[in-house]
Structures are given as C-alpha cells and as structure tokens.
Protein backbone atom coordinates (compact mmCIF):
# COMPACT_ATOMS: atom_id res chain seq x y z
CA MET A 1 173.85 -52.39 272.28
CA ASP A 2 173.53 -52.09 268.50
CA ASP A 3 170.35 -50.17 267.66
CA ASP A 4 169.87 -52.38 264.58
CA ASP A 5 170.29 -55.65 266.44
CA PRO A 6 168.30 -56.53 269.56
CA LEU A 7 171.09 -58.83 270.73
CA ALA A 8 174.06 -57.28 272.48
CA LEU A 9 177.45 -58.15 271.08
CA ASP A 10 179.22 -60.68 273.28
CA PRO A 11 182.31 -58.82 274.58
CA THR A 12 184.32 -62.04 274.30
CA PHE A 13 183.31 -62.68 270.69
CA ALA A 14 186.71 -61.75 269.24
CA ASP A 15 188.44 -64.25 271.52
CA ARG A 16 186.93 -67.10 269.50
CA PHE A 17 189.02 -66.14 266.47
CA ALA A 18 192.74 -66.08 265.89
CA PRO A 19 193.98 -62.49 265.61
CA GLY A 20 194.47 -61.34 262.03
CA ARG A 21 197.66 -59.67 260.88
CA ARG A 22 196.63 -56.09 261.49
CA SER A 23 199.28 -53.43 261.10
CA GLN A 24 200.11 -50.93 263.80
CA CYS A 25 197.28 -48.61 264.74
CA HIS A 26 197.60 -45.10 263.28
CA LEU A 27 196.57 -41.62 264.34
CA TYR A 28 193.80 -39.79 262.46
CA LEU A 29 193.43 -36.10 263.36
CA VAL A 30 190.11 -34.25 263.18
CA SER A 31 189.99 -30.45 263.18
CA PRO A 32 188.00 -28.49 265.73
CA GLU A 33 184.62 -27.32 264.41
CA ARG A 34 185.89 -23.73 264.43
CA ILE A 35 189.48 -22.71 263.89
CA SER A 36 191.39 -19.46 264.20
CA GLY A 37 193.97 -17.90 261.90
CA ASP A 38 196.88 -19.57 263.66
CA PHE A 39 195.54 -23.11 263.23
CA THR A 40 197.87 -23.72 260.30
CA GLU A 41 200.79 -23.46 262.72
CA ALA A 42 199.02 -25.75 265.19
CA LEU A 43 198.61 -28.34 262.45
CA LYS A 44 202.27 -28.06 261.46
CA SER A 45 203.23 -28.54 265.09
CA ALA A 46 201.01 -31.60 265.43
CA LEU A 47 202.43 -33.25 262.32
CA GLU A 48 205.95 -32.68 263.60
CA GLY A 49 205.11 -34.55 266.82
CA GLY A 50 205.04 -37.96 265.16
CA PRO A 51 203.47 -39.98 262.33
CA VAL A 52 199.88 -39.09 261.43
CA ALA A 53 197.92 -40.98 258.77
CA ALA A 54 195.17 -38.50 258.00
CA PHE A 55 193.71 -35.10 258.83
CA GLN A 56 189.98 -34.46 258.50
CA LEU A 57 188.74 -30.92 258.00
CA ARG A 58 185.47 -30.70 259.88
CA LEU A 59 184.10 -27.16 260.03
CA LYS A 60 180.49 -26.43 260.96
CA GLY A 61 178.47 -23.32 260.21
CA LEU A 62 180.56 -22.11 257.25
CA ASP A 63 179.58 -22.03 253.61
CA GLU A 64 181.63 -23.82 250.98
CA GLU A 65 183.55 -20.71 249.92
CA ASP A 66 184.72 -20.06 253.45
CA VAL A 67 185.69 -23.69 254.05
CA ALA A 68 187.60 -23.78 250.77
CA ARG A 69 189.54 -20.66 251.74
CA VAL A 70 190.44 -22.14 255.14
CA ALA A 71 191.33 -25.48 253.57
CA GLU A 72 193.99 -24.27 251.14
CA PRO A 73 196.92 -23.73 253.57
CA LEU A 74 195.96 -26.77 255.65
CA GLN A 75 195.91 -28.96 252.56
CA ARG A 76 199.41 -27.76 251.65
CA VAL A 77 200.67 -28.62 255.16
CA CYS A 78 199.22 -32.12 254.85
CA ALA A 79 200.78 -32.61 251.42
CA ASP A 80 204.17 -31.48 252.72
CA HIS A 81 203.94 -34.10 255.50
CA GLU A 82 202.42 -36.87 253.31
CA VAL A 83 199.26 -36.90 255.39
CA ALA A 84 195.93 -37.67 253.72
CA PHE A 85 193.64 -34.62 253.62
CA ILE A 86 190.02 -35.67 254.18
CA VAL A 87 186.94 -33.43 253.90
CA ASN A 88 184.02 -34.02 256.23
CA ASP A 89 180.47 -34.43 254.88
CA SER A 90 180.75 -32.85 251.43
CA MET A 91 181.61 -34.87 248.34
CA ALA A 92 181.32 -31.73 246.20
CA LEU A 93 183.83 -29.83 248.33
CA ALA A 94 186.19 -32.79 248.38
CA ARG A 95 186.10 -32.83 244.58
CA ARG A 96 186.53 -29.07 244.32
CA LEU A 97 189.60 -29.13 246.57
CA GLY A 98 191.11 -32.25 245.04
CA ALA A 99 191.11 -33.73 248.54
CA ASP A 100 192.44 -37.20 249.21
CA GLY A 101 189.02 -38.30 250.38
CA VAL A 102 185.75 -37.62 252.13
CA HIS A 103 184.20 -38.76 255.38
CA LEU A 104 180.44 -39.33 255.18
CA GLY A 105 177.92 -39.29 257.96
CA GLN A 106 174.79 -41.39 257.56
CA SER A 107 172.93 -38.47 255.97
CA ASP A 108 175.75 -37.29 253.69
CA GLY A 109 175.23 -39.59 250.73
CA ASP A 110 176.14 -43.00 249.39
CA PRO A 111 179.77 -44.17 249.18
CA ARG A 112 179.04 -45.37 245.65
CA GLU A 113 178.16 -41.83 244.65
CA ALA A 114 181.33 -40.55 246.33
CA ARG A 115 183.37 -43.10 244.40
CA ARG A 116 181.85 -42.03 241.08
CA LEU A 117 182.49 -38.40 241.88
CA LEU A 118 185.96 -38.65 243.44
CA GLY A 119 187.48 -41.55 241.56
CA PRO A 120 189.08 -44.88 242.43
CA SER A 121 191.93 -43.53 244.53
CA ALA A 122 189.81 -41.43 246.92
CA GLN A 123 189.65 -42.50 250.56
CA ILE A 124 185.99 -42.80 251.55
CA GLY A 125 185.02 -43.25 255.19
CA VAL A 126 181.60 -43.74 256.71
CA THR A 127 180.33 -43.07 260.22
CA CYS A 128 178.63 -46.21 261.55
CA HIS A 129 178.03 -45.22 265.20
CA ASP A 130 177.54 -48.49 267.14
CA SER A 131 175.94 -50.41 264.28
CA ARG A 132 177.37 -53.61 262.83
CA HIS A 133 174.66 -53.47 260.18
CA LEU A 134 175.63 -49.97 258.99
CA ALA A 135 179.30 -50.97 258.92
CA MET A 136 178.63 -53.99 256.73
CA GLU A 137 176.46 -51.88 254.42
CA ALA A 138 179.27 -49.31 254.13
CA GLY A 139 181.77 -52.03 253.29
CA GLU A 140 179.49 -53.46 250.63
CA ALA A 141 179.04 -49.97 249.17
CA GLY A 142 182.81 -49.61 248.69
CA ALA A 143 183.92 -47.59 251.71
CA ASP A 144 187.65 -47.62 252.48
CA TYR A 145 187.08 -47.52 256.22
CA VAL A 146 184.26 -47.52 258.76
CA ALA A 147 184.17 -45.40 261.91
CA PHE A 148 182.64 -46.46 265.22
CA GLY A 149 181.95 -44.15 268.16
CA ALA A 150 181.71 -42.17 270.28
CA PHE A 151 183.59 -44.40 272.71
CA PHE A 152 184.03 -41.72 275.37
CA PRO A 153 182.22 -38.52 276.31
CA THR A 154 183.12 -35.71 273.94
CA SER A 155 182.37 -32.01 273.72
CA THR A 156 183.17 -31.92 270.00
CA LYS A 157 179.68 -33.00 268.92
CA GLU A 158 176.44 -34.33 270.33
CA THR A 159 176.43 -38.12 270.41
CA GLU A 160 173.68 -40.64 271.03
CA HIS A 161 175.68 -43.80 270.40
CA ARG A 162 178.19 -45.30 272.79
CA PRO A 163 179.55 -48.59 271.42
CA ASP A 164 181.40 -51.10 273.51
CA PRO A 165 185.06 -51.54 272.43
CA SER A 166 184.22 -55.17 271.62
CA ILE A 167 182.71 -53.97 268.33
CA LEU A 168 186.25 -53.20 267.18
CA GLY A 169 187.34 -56.75 267.92
CA TRP A 170 184.30 -58.15 266.14
CA TRP A 171 185.03 -56.06 263.06
CA SER A 172 188.77 -56.64 262.94
CA ARG A 173 188.41 -60.41 263.30
CA LEU A 174 185.84 -60.74 260.52
CA PHE A 175 186.72 -58.03 258.01
CA GLU A 176 189.90 -56.70 256.42
CA LEU A 177 188.46 -53.21 255.92
CA PRO A 178 190.06 -50.82 258.45
CA CYS A 179 188.02 -49.45 261.34
CA VAL A 180 188.42 -46.06 263.03
CA ALA A 181 187.59 -45.45 266.68
CA ILE A 182 186.33 -41.96 267.42
CA GLY A 183 184.92 -39.91 270.28
CA GLY A 184 186.71 -38.37 273.25
CA ILE A 185 189.93 -40.29 272.64
CA THR A 186 193.10 -39.16 274.41
CA PRO A 187 196.55 -40.64 275.01
CA GLY A 188 195.23 -41.62 278.44
CA ASN A 189 192.25 -43.69 277.33
CA GLY A 190 193.02 -44.80 273.78
CA ARG A 191 195.16 -47.86 274.51
CA ALA A 192 192.11 -50.02 275.26
CA LEU A 193 190.74 -49.28 271.79
CA VAL A 194 194.04 -50.23 270.16
CA GLU A 195 194.01 -53.51 272.06
CA ALA A 196 190.38 -54.08 271.09
CA GLY A 197 191.24 -53.88 267.38
CA ALA A 198 191.08 -50.27 266.13
CA ASP A 199 193.17 -49.61 263.04
CA PHE A 200 193.01 -45.84 263.56
CA LEU A 201 192.36 -43.62 266.55
CA ALA A 202 190.60 -40.39 265.60
CA ALA A 203 191.52 -37.53 267.89
CA CYS A 204 190.34 -33.96 268.12
CA SER A 205 190.31 -32.20 271.50
CA GLY A 206 192.77 -34.80 272.78
CA VAL A 207 195.34 -33.15 270.49
CA TRP A 208 194.26 -29.52 270.02
CA GLY A 209 193.32 -29.09 273.67
CA HIS A 210 196.36 -30.84 275.13
CA GLU A 211 197.94 -28.82 277.94
CA SER A 212 201.41 -29.15 276.42
CA GLY A 213 200.36 -28.44 272.85
CA PRO A 214 199.55 -30.54 269.78
CA ALA A 215 203.09 -31.80 269.13
CA ALA A 216 203.30 -33.21 272.66
CA ALA A 217 199.88 -34.80 272.27
CA VAL A 218 200.83 -36.55 269.03
CA ALA A 219 204.07 -37.74 270.61
CA GLU A 220 202.10 -39.20 273.54
CA PHE A 221 199.72 -40.97 271.16
CA GLN A 222 202.69 -42.72 269.51
CA GLN A 223 203.35 -44.51 272.81
CA ILE A 224 199.98 -46.29 272.75
CA LEU A 225 199.60 -47.14 269.04
CA ALA A 226 201.92 -50.14 268.71
CA ARG A 227 200.25 -53.56 268.89
C-alpha cells in the first residue's frame, strides 16, 4: 500500500488502459556500497556482457575525495562503453566529476536544484519508494526518471517499502516519464517487473554477486528485457 494514499492500488488498474508504446526495458547497474581495487575490471566485464543503459556509483561511508578518486577509472570505462555515469546522492560530487547525472533520495535535495547545478542535459533520478504521490512530485519537479522499490528482499540496503509491481503499470500507462524498478532484482525474478511496465531494471548484487560473474549476469538479463 502507498504510505501517502490510504487506498491500495488496484492491481488490475493498468488493464483499463491501452498499453503505450514503451521501448524495450533496459538494464541499470548500481555499484556495491564498497568496492575493491579490481572493481574496474568487474565493471568492464559487466559492460561486455550486453547492453547497459547506466551505471550508478553508490558508495557509503567514504568522503568526497575518496569517492572522486574511485570514480575516475569507472567513469572512463562507462564513457568507453557509452554508458551513462550516475552519481548517487550528491549533486556537488556529480558536478565536480562532470557526471552524466545524479540519483537523489528523498533527503538528498530537490530535482530543480540539481537541474540548476548540473544543467539541462543531466539525467536526474529520484527514489520514490512505493509512493505515487512522491513520483508525481518528482515528475513535476523535472526529474528524468522515477525509481520504485524495493520489489524484492535485498541485502544492499535497509528497506521499509515494498511496492506491488502494479505501481509500474499504473505509472507507465499514465505518464511518459521512465520508471526504474529496484531492489533485489535478478535475471530469475525480473521478468515480472518488465511485464508490469518497468522501463529500467536496476541491479546490484544480481550482477556483482552472480555465480558465473558479471558478464554472465548481464547476458542473462538481456533474455528478460524484451517486451
């Protein structure tokens, strides 16, 4: 149930509307919270496994100088593979790095401020948990995408919100702005979210923790992304 709406979203809501012309769902990689010195090679491997739309650098517990130092080789890898390089949380760091965009949590600032700071071409995403209200606010504030989740249990971060996949159908039927599904997504469980209406699947441990390595994980994801 949406915390901002006492009425649960009807899971069949999207069925009342003709499907829009949404493009194929795409893969959006998120880094582990802590990475080792060989992560650059892991990222290269992942990006060689198949098409990836974006990579988000999400490191916790490090100051800006340390994150900037880690970011430099990863940003080059993304540029070489034409993958958008997104910084988590910090507009200032995104600007410092010349990143392609920033992903904002609900306490990380206003998308309007991010737009002023980063310019018209920056990709600005906003975490909206399970809230239709927050998603509409983000869209009105100029976000380029909204993110819903966590859809599945995840060890990457503590989560209180567990949206029903029907929120993706609701959003995709009513709004053109892309939506990202996040939280515990793997090649084994992500197909339902694609079918529900996700424009992007965000994956973290489902790629970096895959038993056959990140390239194999990305290749497996490609099999479930087509509509």
